[in-house]
Amino acid sequence: MNDVRLNSNRFVCGIWLFCVTVFSVPVCILLHELGHFSAYVAFGYDSPALHYSSSGFPGDSEFWSNLQSGNRKEALKIADITQMGIAALLGLLVSYAIVGIGIWIYVRFSLVEGLCFAASSAARFPLVAVLFMIGKQHHDEAHVEQALGFPEVILFSIGVGCTIASTLGAAYLLNRRKSVWQIVPIIVGVFVSTICWMNGVGALLIP
């Protein structure tokens, strides 16, 4: 009977952690974009918009294209380079903060839900690592370097650190508490929520 109750409790907790993670993924994405959006509003750019997976204003894509190609004069006709660098950096700082706060909540209060948010926020960094290694320049870390001169590799390293910290938190659960049933729902939740949010759900809720 005790084994049945334990398995039942684990199942319920697993479903709960899955649901928390599914919820936390879009929250983390939107908070990241809100970091960019708040800078656009603060700097007074015309018609800033916050979407389900991006934020910007008319001309921002052209700005980054000009800056990346070295055409700073044309970029300056659209927006201030330093301000745009700050806007790109704010989104990153929000993501770093979510990872840090999530891990702190887990360590301080033993709430696994903190790891749900930490893992959801850190999920973007492995993708950025791939873009970094193949030389793509269309991500925030590259934009910060282009606009502010702050080395992309340092920001990349911080992102890797966030991923490692989240992974270590998961490893602690797995090795010390033998809590596979807590890890799997978080991992599955991140993948399922990211795929659903980026491929339909997000666009329906926030065009």
N, C-alpha and C. Protein backbone atom coordinates (compact mmCIF):
# COMPACT_ATOMS: atom_id res chain seq x y z
N MET A 1 0.83 -1.21 0.00
CA MET A 1 0.00 0.00 0.00
C MET A 1 0.86 1.25 0.00
N ASN A 2 1.93 1.25 0.81
CA ASN A 2 2.81 2.42 0.86
C ASN A 2 3.47 2.66 -0.49
N ASP A 3 3.87 1.56 -1.18
CA ASP A 3 4.49 1.70 -2.49
C ASP A 3 3.50 2.29 -3.49
N VAL A 4 2.25 1.87 -3.40
CA VAL A 4 1.23 2.39 -4.30
C VAL A 4 1.04 3.89 -4.07
N ARG A 5 0.97 4.28 -2.79
CA ARG A 5 0.80 5.71 -2.47
C ARG A 5 2.01 6.51 -2.93
N LEU A 6 3.21 5.95 -2.73
CA LEU A 6 4.43 6.65 -3.14
C LEU A 6 4.45 6.85 -4.64
N ASN A 7 4.12 5.79 -5.38
CA ASN A 7 4.09 5.89 -6.84
C ASN A 7 3.02 6.86 -7.30
N SER A 8 1.88 6.86 -6.61
CA SER A 8 0.80 7.78 -6.95
C SER A 8 1.24 9.22 -6.71
N ASN A 9 1.88 9.47 -5.57
CA ASN A 9 2.36 10.81 -5.25
C ASN A 9 3.41 11.27 -6.26
N ARG A 10 4.30 10.36 -6.64
CA ARG A 10 5.33 10.71 -7.62
C ARG A 10 4.71 11.06 -8.96
N PHE A 11 3.68 10.31 -9.34
CA PHE A 11 3.01 10.59 -10.61
C PHE A 11 2.37 11.98 -10.59
N VAL A 12 1.67 12.27 -9.51
CA VAL A 12 1.02 13.58 -9.38
C VAL A 12 2.06 14.70 -9.38
N CYS A 13 3.15 14.52 -8.62
CA CYS A 13 4.20 15.53 -8.58
C CYS A 13 4.87 15.69 -9.94
N GLY A 14 5.04 14.57 -10.64
CA GLY A 14 5.63 14.64 -11.98
C GLY A 14 4.76 15.44 -12.93
N ILE A 15 3.46 15.20 -12.88
CA ILE A 15 2.53 15.97 -13.71
C ILE A 15 2.58 17.45 -13.34
N TRP A 16 2.66 17.73 -12.04
CA TRP A 16 2.74 19.12 -11.57
C TRP A 16 3.99 19.80 -12.11
N LEU A 17 5.15 19.15 -12.01
CA LEU A 17 6.39 19.75 -12.49
C LEU A 17 6.36 19.93 -14.01
N PHE A 18 5.75 18.99 -14.71
CA PHE A 18 5.60 19.13 -16.16
C PHE A 18 4.77 20.36 -16.48
N CYS A 19 3.65 20.53 -15.77
CA CYS A 19 2.77 21.68 -16.01
C CYS A 19 3.47 23.00 -15.67
N VAL A 20 4.22 23.01 -14.56
CA VAL A 20 4.95 24.22 -14.19
C VAL A 20 5.97 24.58 -15.26
N THR A 21 6.66 23.57 -15.79
CA THR A 21 7.67 23.82 -16.82
C THR A 21 7.03 24.30 -18.11
N VAL A 22 5.93 23.67 -18.49
CA VAL A 22 5.22 24.10 -19.70
C VAL A 22 4.81 25.56 -19.58
N PHE A 23 4.39 25.96 -18.40
CA PHE A 23 4.02 27.36 -18.16
C PHE A 23 5.25 28.27 -18.13
N SER A 24 6.34 27.78 -17.57
CA SER A 24 7.52 28.64 -17.36
C SER A 24 8.25 28.98 -18.65
N VAL A 25 8.18 28.10 -19.65
CA VAL A 25 8.89 28.36 -20.91
C VAL A 25 8.41 29.65 -21.58
N PRO A 26 7.11 29.80 -21.88
CA PRO A 26 6.68 31.06 -22.48
C PRO A 26 6.89 32.27 -21.57
N VAL A 27 6.77 32.06 -20.26
CA VAL A 27 7.02 33.17 -19.33
C VAL A 27 8.46 33.65 -19.47
N CYS A 28 9.40 32.72 -19.52
CA CYS A 28 10.82 33.09 -19.65
C CYS A 28 11.10 33.76 -20.98
N ILE A 29 10.49 33.24 -22.05
CA ILE A 29 10.68 33.85 -23.37
C ILE A 29 10.14 35.27 -23.39
N LEU A 30 8.94 35.45 -22.85
CA LEU A 30 8.32 36.78 -22.85
C LEU A 30 9.08 37.76 -21.95
N LEU A 31 9.57 37.30 -20.82
CA LEU A 31 10.35 38.18 -19.95
C LEU A 31 11.65 38.60 -20.63
N HIS A 32 12.27 37.67 -21.35
CA HIS A 32 13.48 38.00 -22.12
C HIS A 32 13.17 39.10 -23.14
N GLU A 33 12.10 38.90 -23.89
CA GLU A 33 11.73 39.90 -24.91
C GLU A 33 11.26 41.20 -24.26
N LEU A 34 10.66 41.10 -23.09
CA LEU A 34 10.23 42.31 -22.38
C LEU A 34 11.43 43.16 -21.98
N GLY A 35 12.56 42.51 -21.72
CA GLY A 35 13.79 43.26 -21.45
C GLY A 35 14.16 44.14 -22.62
N HIS A 36 14.11 43.57 -23.84
CA HIS A 36 14.38 44.37 -25.04
C HIS A 36 13.32 45.46 -25.21
N PHE A 37 12.07 45.05 -25.09
CA PHE A 37 10.95 45.95 -25.33
C PHE A 37 10.99 47.16 -24.40
N SER A 38 11.30 46.93 -23.13
CA SER A 38 11.34 48.04 -22.17
C SER A 38 12.39 49.07 -22.55
N ALA A 39 13.50 48.61 -23.13
CA ALA A 39 14.53 49.54 -23.57
C ALA A 39 14.04 50.37 -24.75
N TYR A 40 13.36 49.72 -25.70
CA TYR A 40 12.83 50.47 -26.85
C TYR A 40 11.85 51.55 -26.39
N VAL A 41 11.02 51.21 -25.41
CA VAL A 41 10.06 52.19 -24.88
C VAL A 41 10.80 53.30 -24.15
N ALA A 42 11.78 52.94 -23.33
CA ALA A 42 12.52 53.94 -22.55
C ALA A 42 13.29 54.90 -23.44
N PHE A 43 13.82 54.39 -24.56
CA PHE A 43 14.59 55.24 -25.46
C PHE A 43 13.72 55.97 -26.46
N GLY A 44 12.42 55.73 -26.43
CA GLY A 44 11.48 56.51 -27.23
C GLY A 44 11.38 56.12 -28.69
N TYR A 45 11.66 54.88 -29.03
CA TYR A 45 11.53 54.46 -30.43
C TYR A 45 10.07 54.33 -30.82
N ASP A 46 9.79 54.62 -32.09
CA ASP A 46 8.41 54.64 -32.57
C ASP A 46 7.83 53.23 -32.69
N SER A 47 6.62 53.09 -32.23
CA SER A 47 5.82 51.87 -32.39
C SER A 47 6.53 50.59 -31.98
N PRO A 48 7.11 50.54 -30.79
CA PRO A 48 7.72 49.28 -30.34
C PRO A 48 6.64 48.22 -30.15
N ALA A 49 6.98 46.99 -30.45
CA ALA A 49 6.00 45.91 -30.35
C ALA A 49 6.61 44.71 -29.63
N LEU A 50 5.79 44.05 -28.84
CA LEU A 50 6.19 42.83 -28.13
C LEU A 50 5.38 41.68 -28.69
N HIS A 51 6.08 40.70 -29.27
CA HIS A 51 5.43 39.53 -29.85
C HIS A 51 5.73 38.30 -29.00
N TYR A 52 5.21 37.15 -29.43
CA TYR A 52 5.36 35.93 -28.62
C TYR A 52 6.79 35.43 -28.55
N SER A 53 7.62 35.78 -29.54
CA SER A 53 9.01 35.30 -29.51
C SER A 53 10.00 36.36 -29.96
N SER A 54 9.55 37.59 -30.04
CA SER A 54 10.44 38.67 -30.47
C SER A 54 9.88 40.01 -30.00
N SER A 55 10.70 41.02 -30.13
CA SER A 55 10.26 42.39 -29.86
C SER A 55 11.07 43.29 -30.76
N GLY A 56 10.52 44.45 -31.07
CA GLY A 56 11.25 45.35 -31.95
C GLY A 56 10.43 46.57 -32.31
N PHE A 57 10.88 47.25 -33.33
CA PHE A 57 10.19 48.43 -33.84
C PHE A 57 10.50 48.52 -35.33
N PRO A 58 9.74 49.31 -36.08
CA PRO A 58 9.98 49.40 -37.52
C PRO A 58 11.41 49.84 -37.83
N GLY A 59 12.12 49.01 -38.57
CA GLY A 59 13.48 49.34 -38.97
C GLY A 59 14.56 48.66 -38.17
N ASP A 60 14.20 47.95 -37.11
CA ASP A 60 15.25 47.36 -36.27
C ASP A 60 16.04 46.26 -37.00
N SER A 61 15.37 45.48 -37.84
CA SER A 61 16.08 44.45 -38.60
C SER A 61 17.08 45.07 -39.57
N GLU A 62 16.66 46.16 -40.21
CA GLU A 62 17.56 46.86 -41.13
C GLU A 62 18.74 47.45 -40.37
N PHE A 63 18.49 47.93 -39.15
CA PHE A 63 19.57 48.47 -38.33
C PHE A 63 20.64 47.42 -38.09
N TRP A 64 20.24 46.23 -37.66
CA TRP A 64 21.22 45.18 -37.35
C TRP A 64 21.93 44.70 -38.60
N SER A 65 21.22 44.67 -39.72
CA SER A 65 21.86 44.26 -40.98
C SER A 65 22.94 45.25 -41.38
N ASN A 66 22.64 46.54 -41.25
CA ASN A 66 23.63 47.57 -41.58
C ASN A 66 24.82 47.51 -40.63
N LEU A 67 24.54 47.34 -39.35
CA LEU A 67 25.63 47.31 -38.38
C LEU A 67 26.51 46.08 -38.58
N GLN A 68 25.90 44.95 -38.86
CA GLN A 68 26.66 43.73 -39.08
C GLN A 68 27.55 43.83 -40.31
N SER A 69 27.07 44.52 -41.33
CA SER A 69 27.86 44.68 -42.56
C SER A 69 28.87 45.80 -42.47
N GLY A 70 28.91 46.49 -41.33
CA GLY A 70 29.88 47.56 -41.12
C GLY A 70 29.41 48.93 -41.58
N ASN A 71 28.16 49.04 -41.98
CA ASN A 71 27.62 50.31 -42.46
C ASN A 71 27.01 51.08 -41.29
N ARG A 72 27.86 51.62 -40.44
CA ARG A 72 27.41 52.26 -39.21
C ARG A 72 26.64 53.56 -39.49
N LYS A 73 26.99 54.27 -40.55
CA LYS A 73 26.29 55.52 -40.86
C LYS A 73 24.82 55.26 -41.16
N GLU A 74 24.57 54.23 -41.96
CA GLU A 74 23.18 53.89 -42.27
C GLU A 74 22.44 53.39 -41.03
N ALA A 75 23.16 52.64 -40.20
CA ALA A 75 22.55 52.14 -38.97
C ALA A 75 22.14 53.30 -38.06
N LEU A 76 23.00 54.31 -37.99
CA LEU A 76 22.73 55.47 -37.13
C LEU A 76 21.52 56.28 -37.61
N LYS A 77 21.17 56.17 -38.88
CA LYS A 77 20.00 56.86 -39.38
C LYS A 77 18.71 56.25 -38.81
N ILE A 78 18.82 55.01 -38.36
CA ILE A 78 17.66 54.29 -37.84
C ILE A 78 17.57 54.37 -36.33
N ALA A 79 18.70 54.17 -35.66
CA ALA A 79 18.70 54.15 -34.19
C ALA A 79 20.10 54.40 -33.66
N ASP A 80 20.17 54.79 -32.40
CA ASP A 80 21.46 54.98 -31.74
C ASP A 80 22.09 53.62 -31.45
N ILE A 81 23.34 53.47 -31.82
CA ILE A 81 24.00 52.17 -31.71
C ILE A 81 24.15 51.74 -30.25
N THR A 82 24.56 52.65 -29.39
CA THR A 82 24.72 52.30 -27.97
C THR A 82 23.40 51.90 -27.34
N GLN A 83 22.35 52.64 -27.65
CA GLN A 83 21.03 52.31 -27.11
C GLN A 83 20.57 50.92 -27.56
N MET A 84 20.82 50.60 -28.81
CA MET A 84 20.43 49.28 -29.31
C MET A 84 21.24 48.17 -28.66
N GLY A 85 22.50 48.46 -28.38
CA GLY A 85 23.32 47.49 -27.66
C GLY A 85 22.80 47.24 -26.26
N ILE A 86 22.38 48.31 -25.60
CA ILE A 86 21.81 48.18 -24.25
C ILE A 86 20.51 47.37 -24.31
N ALA A 87 19.70 47.64 -25.33
CA ALA A 87 18.44 46.89 -25.48
C ALA A 87 18.71 45.40 -25.66
N ALA A 88 19.71 45.07 -26.46
CA ALA A 88 20.06 43.66 -26.66
C ALA A 88 20.57 43.04 -25.36
N LEU A 89 21.35 43.80 -24.61
CA LEU A 89 21.93 43.30 -23.37
C LEU A 89 20.86 43.06 -22.30
N LEU A 90 19.84 43.92 -22.26
CA LEU A 90 18.81 43.78 -21.23
C LEU A 90 18.09 42.44 -21.31
N GLY A 91 17.82 41.99 -22.52
CA GLY A 91 17.18 40.68 -22.67
C GLY A 91 18.02 39.57 -22.09
N LEU A 92 19.33 39.64 -22.34
CA LEU A 92 20.25 38.64 -21.80
C LEU A 92 20.29 38.69 -20.27
N LEU A 93 20.34 39.91 -19.73
CA LEU A 93 20.39 40.04 -18.27
C LEU A 93 19.15 39.45 -17.62
N VAL A 94 18.01 39.61 -18.26
CA VAL A 94 16.78 39.02 -17.72
C VAL A 94 16.89 37.50 -17.69
N SER A 95 17.41 36.92 -18.77
CA SER A 95 17.55 35.46 -18.82
C SER A 95 18.54 34.96 -17.78
N TYR A 96 19.66 35.67 -17.63
CA TYR A 96 20.62 35.29 -16.59
C TYR A 96 19.97 35.35 -15.21
N ALA A 97 19.20 36.41 -14.98
CA ALA A 97 18.57 36.61 -13.68
C ALA A 97 17.57 35.49 -13.37
N ILE A 98 16.81 35.07 -14.37
CA ILE A 98 15.83 34.01 -14.15
C ILE A 98 16.52 32.71 -13.74
N VAL A 99 17.63 32.40 -14.43
CA VAL A 99 18.38 31.19 -14.07
C VAL A 99 18.88 31.29 -12.63
N GLY A 100 19.48 32.43 -12.30
CA GLY A 100 20.03 32.61 -10.96
C GLY A 100 18.96 32.55 -9.88
N ILE A 101 17.85 33.23 -10.11
CA ILE A 101 16.77 33.24 -9.12
C ILE A 101 16.15 31.85 -8.98
N GLY A 102 15.98 31.17 -10.11
CA GLY A 102 15.40 29.83 -10.07
C GLY A 102 16.26 28.86 -9.27
N ILE A 103 17.57 28.91 -9.49
CA ILE A 103 18.48 28.03 -8.75
C ILE A 103 18.50 28.42 -7.27
N TRP A 104 18.48 29.72 -6.99
CA TRP A 104 18.45 30.17 -5.60
C TRP A 104 17.20 29.68 -4.88
N ILE A 105 16.06 29.75 -5.55
CA ILE A 105 14.82 29.25 -4.95
C ILE A 105 14.92 27.76 -4.65
N TYR A 106 15.53 27.04 -5.58
CA TYR A 106 15.69 25.59 -5.38
C TYR A 106 16.61 25.29 -4.21
N VAL A 107 17.76 25.99 -4.16
CA VAL A 107 18.73 25.74 -3.10
C VAL A 107 18.22 26.24 -1.74
N ARG A 108 17.63 27.42 -1.73
CA ARG A 108 17.23 28.05 -0.47
C ARG A 108 15.98 27.41 0.13
N PHE A 109 15.01 27.10 -0.73
CA PHE A 109 13.73 26.63 -0.22
C PHE A 109 13.41 25.18 -0.60
N SER A 110 14.34 24.53 -1.31
CA SER A 110 14.14 23.15 -1.77
C SER A 110 12.90 23.01 -2.64
N LEU A 111 12.59 24.06 -3.39
CA LEU A 111 11.45 24.03 -4.31
C LEU A 111 11.95 23.68 -5.70
N VAL A 112 11.57 22.51 -6.17
CA VAL A 112 12.01 22.06 -7.49
C VAL A 112 11.45 22.96 -8.59
N GLU A 113 10.35 23.64 -8.29
CA GLU A 113 9.77 24.56 -9.26
C GLU A 113 10.78 25.62 -9.70
N GLY A 114 11.70 25.98 -8.81
CA GLY A 114 12.75 26.92 -9.19
C GLY A 114 13.59 26.39 -10.33
N LEU A 115 13.87 25.08 -10.30
CA LEU A 115 14.63 24.47 -11.39
C LEU A 115 13.84 24.47 -12.69
N CYS A 116 12.52 24.40 -12.60
CA CYS A 116 11.68 24.46 -13.81
C CYS A 116 11.94 25.77 -14.56
N PHE A 117 11.95 26.88 -13.82
CA PHE A 117 12.18 28.17 -14.45
C PHE A 117 13.63 28.32 -14.88
N ALA A 118 14.57 27.84 -14.06
CA ALA A 118 15.99 27.93 -14.42
C ALA A 118 16.26 27.16 -15.71
N ALA A 119 15.73 25.95 -15.80
CA ALA A 119 15.94 25.13 -17.00
C ALA A 119 15.27 25.75 -18.22
N SER A 120 14.09 26.33 -18.02
CA SER A 120 13.38 26.95 -19.14
C SER A 120 14.14 28.15 -19.69
N SER A 121 14.72 28.96 -18.80
CA SER A 121 15.47 30.12 -19.24
C SER A 121 16.81 29.73 -19.85
N ALA A 122 17.44 28.69 -19.28
CA ALA A 122 18.76 28.26 -19.76
C ALA A 122 18.67 27.50 -21.07
N ALA A 123 17.46 27.10 -21.48
CA ALA A 123 17.31 26.28 -22.67
C ALA A 123 17.78 26.99 -23.94
N ARG A 124 17.76 28.33 -23.95
CA ARG A 124 18.18 29.06 -25.15
C ARG A 124 19.69 29.03 -25.35
N PHE A 125 20.45 28.86 -24.29
CA PHE A 125 21.90 29.00 -24.39
C PHE A 125 22.58 27.91 -25.20
N PRO A 126 22.17 26.63 -25.12
CA PRO A 126 22.78 25.63 -26.02
C PRO A 126 22.58 25.96 -27.49
N LEU A 127 21.40 26.50 -27.83
CA LEU A 127 21.15 26.90 -29.21
C LEU A 127 22.08 28.03 -29.61
N VAL A 128 22.24 29.01 -28.72
CA VAL A 128 23.17 30.11 -29.00
C VAL A 128 24.59 29.59 -29.15
N ALA A 129 24.95 28.58 -28.38
CA ALA A 129 26.28 27.99 -28.49
C ALA A 129 26.51 27.43 -29.89
N VAL A 130 25.49 26.79 -30.44
CA VAL A 130 25.59 26.25 -31.80
C VAL A 130 25.76 27.39 -32.80
N LEU A 131 24.94 28.44 -32.66
CA LEU A 131 25.05 29.59 -33.56
C LEU A 131 26.42 30.24 -33.44
N PHE A 132 26.93 30.32 -32.22
CA PHE A 132 28.25 30.91 -31.99
C PHE A 132 29.33 30.11 -32.70
N MET A 133 29.26 28.80 -32.60
CA MET A 133 30.31 27.95 -33.18
C MET A 133 30.27 27.92 -34.70
N ILE A 134 29.08 28.09 -35.30
CA ILE A 134 29.01 28.08 -36.76
C ILE A 134 29.11 29.49 -37.34
N GLY A 135 29.28 30.47 -36.47
CA GLY A 135 29.54 31.83 -36.94
C GLY A 135 28.33 32.67 -37.28
N LYS A 136 27.14 32.25 -36.88
CA LYS A 136 25.94 33.06 -37.13
C LYS A 136 25.95 34.28 -36.22
N GLN A 137 25.37 35.38 -36.72
CA GLN A 137 25.44 36.64 -35.99
C GLN A 137 24.07 37.22 -35.64
N HIS A 138 23.04 36.40 -35.71
CA HIS A 138 21.69 36.93 -35.49
C HIS A 138 21.15 36.51 -34.12
N HIS A 139 21.90 36.85 -33.08
CA HIS A 139 21.44 36.58 -31.72
C HIS A 139 21.94 37.70 -30.82
N ASP A 140 21.37 37.79 -29.64
CA ASP A 140 21.64 38.94 -28.76
C ASP A 140 23.11 39.09 -28.41
N GLU A 141 23.79 37.97 -28.15
CA GLU A 141 25.20 38.05 -27.77
C GLU A 141 26.01 38.73 -28.86
N ALA A 142 25.74 38.37 -30.12
CA ALA A 142 26.45 38.99 -31.24
C ALA A 142 26.07 40.46 -31.37
N HIS A 143 24.80 40.77 -31.16
CA HIS A 143 24.35 42.16 -31.26
C HIS A 143 25.03 43.05 -30.21
N VAL A 144 25.19 42.52 -29.01
CA VAL A 144 25.86 43.29 -27.96
C VAL A 144 27.30 43.59 -28.36
N GLU A 145 27.98 42.61 -28.92
CA GLU A 145 29.36 42.84 -29.35
C GLU A 145 29.43 43.85 -30.48
N GLN A 146 28.51 43.74 -31.44
CA GLN A 146 28.50 44.65 -32.58
C GLN A 146 28.23 46.09 -32.15
N ALA A 147 27.34 46.26 -31.17
CA ALA A 147 26.92 47.61 -30.78
C ALA A 147 27.77 48.20 -29.66
N LEU A 148 28.18 47.38 -28.71
CA LEU A 148 28.88 47.89 -27.52
C LEU A 148 30.34 47.50 -27.47
N GLY A 149 30.73 46.54 -28.30
CA GLY A 149 32.11 46.09 -28.29
C GLY A 149 32.43 45.11 -27.18
N PHE A 150 31.39 44.70 -26.43
CA PHE A 150 31.62 43.73 -25.35
C PHE A 150 31.77 42.35 -25.97
N PRO A 151 32.86 41.63 -25.68
CA PRO A 151 33.14 40.37 -26.37
C PRO A 151 32.00 39.36 -26.28
N GLU A 152 31.59 38.89 -27.44
CA GLU A 152 30.53 37.88 -27.50
C GLU A 152 30.91 36.62 -26.74
N VAL A 153 32.19 36.29 -26.76
CA VAL A 153 32.63 35.04 -26.13
C VAL A 153 32.38 35.06 -24.62
N ILE A 154 32.45 36.24 -24.01
CA ILE A 154 32.18 36.34 -22.57
C ILE A 154 30.70 36.08 -22.29
N LEU A 155 29.84 36.70 -23.09
CA LEU A 155 28.41 36.47 -22.94
C LEU A 155 28.07 35.01 -23.23
N PHE A 156 28.72 34.47 -24.24
CA PHE A 156 28.53 33.05 -24.56
C PHE A 156 28.93 32.18 -23.38
N SER A 157 30.04 32.53 -22.74
CA SER A 157 30.53 31.75 -21.59
C SER A 157 29.56 31.84 -20.41
N ILE A 158 28.98 33.03 -20.19
CA ILE A 158 28.00 33.18 -19.11
C ILE A 158 26.79 32.28 -19.38
N GLY A 159 26.35 32.26 -20.63
CA GLY A 159 25.23 31.40 -21.00
C GLY A 159 25.53 29.93 -20.77
N VAL A 160 26.75 29.52 -21.13
CA VAL A 160 27.16 28.14 -20.88
C VAL A 160 27.17 27.86 -19.38
N GLY A 161 27.63 28.85 -18.61
CA GLY A 161 27.63 28.71 -17.15
C GLY A 161 26.23 28.51 -16.61
N CYS A 162 25.26 29.26 -17.17
CA CYS A 162 23.86 29.10 -16.74
C CYS A 162 23.35 27.69 -17.04
N THR A 163 23.71 27.19 -18.22
CA THR A 163 23.29 25.84 -18.59
C THR A 163 23.91 24.80 -17.67
N ILE A 164 25.21 24.98 -17.37
CA ILE A 164 25.90 24.04 -16.49
C ILE A 164 25.30 24.07 -15.09
N ALA A 165 25.01 25.28 -14.60
CA ALA A 165 24.43 25.41 -13.26
C ALA A 165 23.08 24.70 -13.18
N SER A 166 22.26 24.87 -14.21
CA SER A 166 20.96 24.19 -14.23
C SER A 166 21.14 22.68 -14.29
N THR A 167 22.12 22.25 -15.09
CA THR A 167 22.39 20.82 -15.22
C THR A 167 22.88 20.23 -13.90
N LEU A 168 23.73 20.98 -13.20
CA LEU A 168 24.22 20.50 -11.90
C LEU A 168 23.08 20.37 -10.89
N GLY A 169 22.14 21.32 -10.96
CA GLY A 169 20.98 21.23 -10.08
C GLY A 169 20.18 19.97 -10.37
N ALA A 170 20.03 19.67 -11.66
CA ALA A 170 19.32 18.45 -12.04
C ALA A 170 20.10 17.21 -11.61
N ALA A 171 21.42 17.27 -11.76
CA ALA A 171 22.26 16.14 -11.36
C ALA A 171 22.17 15.89 -9.86
N TYR A 172 22.06 16.96 -9.09
CA TYR A 172 21.91 16.80 -7.63
C TYR A 172 20.64 16.03 -7.30
N LEU A 173 19.56 16.41 -7.97
CA LEU A 173 18.31 15.69 -7.76
C LEU A 173 18.45 14.23 -8.13
N LEU A 174 19.11 14.00 -9.25
CA LEU A 174 19.21 12.64 -9.77
C LEU A 174 20.09 11.75 -8.90
N ASN A 175 21.24 12.27 -8.49
CA ASN A 175 22.23 11.45 -7.80
C ASN A 175 22.02 11.39 -6.29
N ARG A 176 21.62 12.50 -5.68
CA ARG A 176 21.49 12.54 -4.23
C ARG A 176 20.10 12.12 -3.75
N ARG A 177 19.10 12.50 -4.51
CA ARG A 177 17.74 12.19 -4.07
C ARG A 177 17.10 11.06 -4.86
N LYS A 178 17.82 10.56 -5.86
CA LYS A 178 17.29 9.49 -6.70
C LYS A 178 15.94 9.89 -7.29
N SER A 179 15.87 11.12 -7.77
CA SER A 179 14.58 11.68 -8.17
C SER A 179 14.46 11.80 -9.69
N VAL A 180 14.61 10.67 -10.38
CA VAL A 180 14.43 10.68 -11.83
C VAL A 180 13.04 11.20 -12.18
N TRP A 181 12.07 10.85 -11.35
CA TRP A 181 10.69 11.25 -11.61
C TRP A 181 10.51 12.76 -11.56
N GLN A 182 11.46 13.49 -10.96
CA GLN A 182 11.40 14.95 -10.95
C GLN A 182 12.12 15.56 -12.15
N ILE A 183 13.18 14.90 -12.60
CA ILE A 183 13.98 15.44 -13.70
C ILE A 183 13.27 15.29 -15.03
N VAL A 184 12.75 14.09 -15.29
CA VAL A 184 12.15 13.80 -16.59
C VAL A 184 11.01 14.76 -16.94
N PRO A 185 10.07 15.04 -16.04
CA PRO A 185 9.00 15.98 -16.39
C PRO A 185 9.51 17.37 -16.76
N ILE A 186 10.60 17.81 -16.12
CA ILE A 186 11.15 19.12 -16.43
C ILE A 186 11.75 19.13 -17.83
N ILE A 187 12.54 18.11 -18.14
CA ILE A 187 13.17 18.03 -19.46
C ILE A 187 12.12 17.93 -20.56
N VAL A 188 11.15 17.03 -20.35
CA VAL A 188 10.09 16.86 -21.35
C VAL A 188 9.27 18.14 -21.47
N GLY A 189 9.00 18.78 -20.34
CA GLY A 189 8.23 20.02 -20.35
C GLY A 189 8.89 21.12 -21.14
N VAL A 190 10.21 21.25 -21.01
CA VAL A 190 10.95 22.27 -21.76
C VAL A 190 10.82 22.03 -23.26
N PHE A 191 11.02 20.79 -23.69
CA PHE A 191 10.96 20.47 -25.12
C PHE A 191 9.54 20.65 -25.66
N VAL A 192 8.57 20.09 -24.97
CA VAL A 192 7.19 20.16 -25.45
C VAL A 192 6.70 21.60 -25.50
N SER A 193 6.95 22.35 -24.44
CA SER A 193 6.46 23.73 -24.38
C SER A 193 7.14 24.61 -25.41
N THR A 194 8.45 24.44 -25.58
CA THR A 194 9.18 25.24 -26.57
C THR A 194 8.65 24.99 -27.97
N ILE A 195 8.48 23.71 -28.32
CA ILE A 195 7.98 23.36 -29.65
C ILE A 195 6.58 23.91 -29.86
N CYS A 196 5.70 23.72 -28.88
CA CYS A 196 4.32 24.20 -29.02
C CYS A 196 4.25 25.72 -29.08
N TRP A 197 4.99 26.38 -28.19
CA TRP A 197 4.93 27.84 -28.13
C TRP A 197 5.47 28.49 -29.39
N MET A 198 6.58 27.94 -29.92
CA MET A 198 7.22 28.54 -31.09
C MET A 198 6.57 28.13 -32.40
N ASN A 199 5.69 27.12 -32.36
CA ASN A 199 5.10 26.61 -33.59
C ASN A 199 3.58 26.65 -33.58
N GLY A 200 3.02 27.70 -33.04
CA GLY A 200 1.58 27.86 -33.14
C GLY A 200 0.91 28.50 -31.95
N VAL A 201 1.16 27.98 -30.76
CA VAL A 201 0.45 28.48 -29.58
C VAL A 201 0.78 29.94 -29.31
N GLY A 202 2.07 30.27 -29.36
CA GLY A 202 2.49 31.65 -29.10
C GLY A 202 1.86 32.64 -30.06
N ALA A 203 1.85 32.27 -31.34
CA ALA A 203 1.30 33.16 -32.36
C ALA A 203 -0.20 33.36 -32.19
N LEU A 204 -0.89 32.36 -31.66
CA LEU A 204 -2.32 32.49 -31.42
C LEU A 204 -2.63 33.41 -30.25
N LEU A 205 -1.79 33.35 -29.22
CA LEU A 205 -2.04 34.14 -28.01
C LEU A 205 -1.50 35.56 -28.12
N ILE A 206 -0.30 35.69 -28.70
CA ILE A 206 0.33 37.01 -28.82
C ILE A 206 0.88 37.15 -30.24
N PRO A 207 0.08 37.63 -31.17
CA PRO A 207 0.52 37.72 -32.59
C PRO A 207 1.80 38.53 -32.74
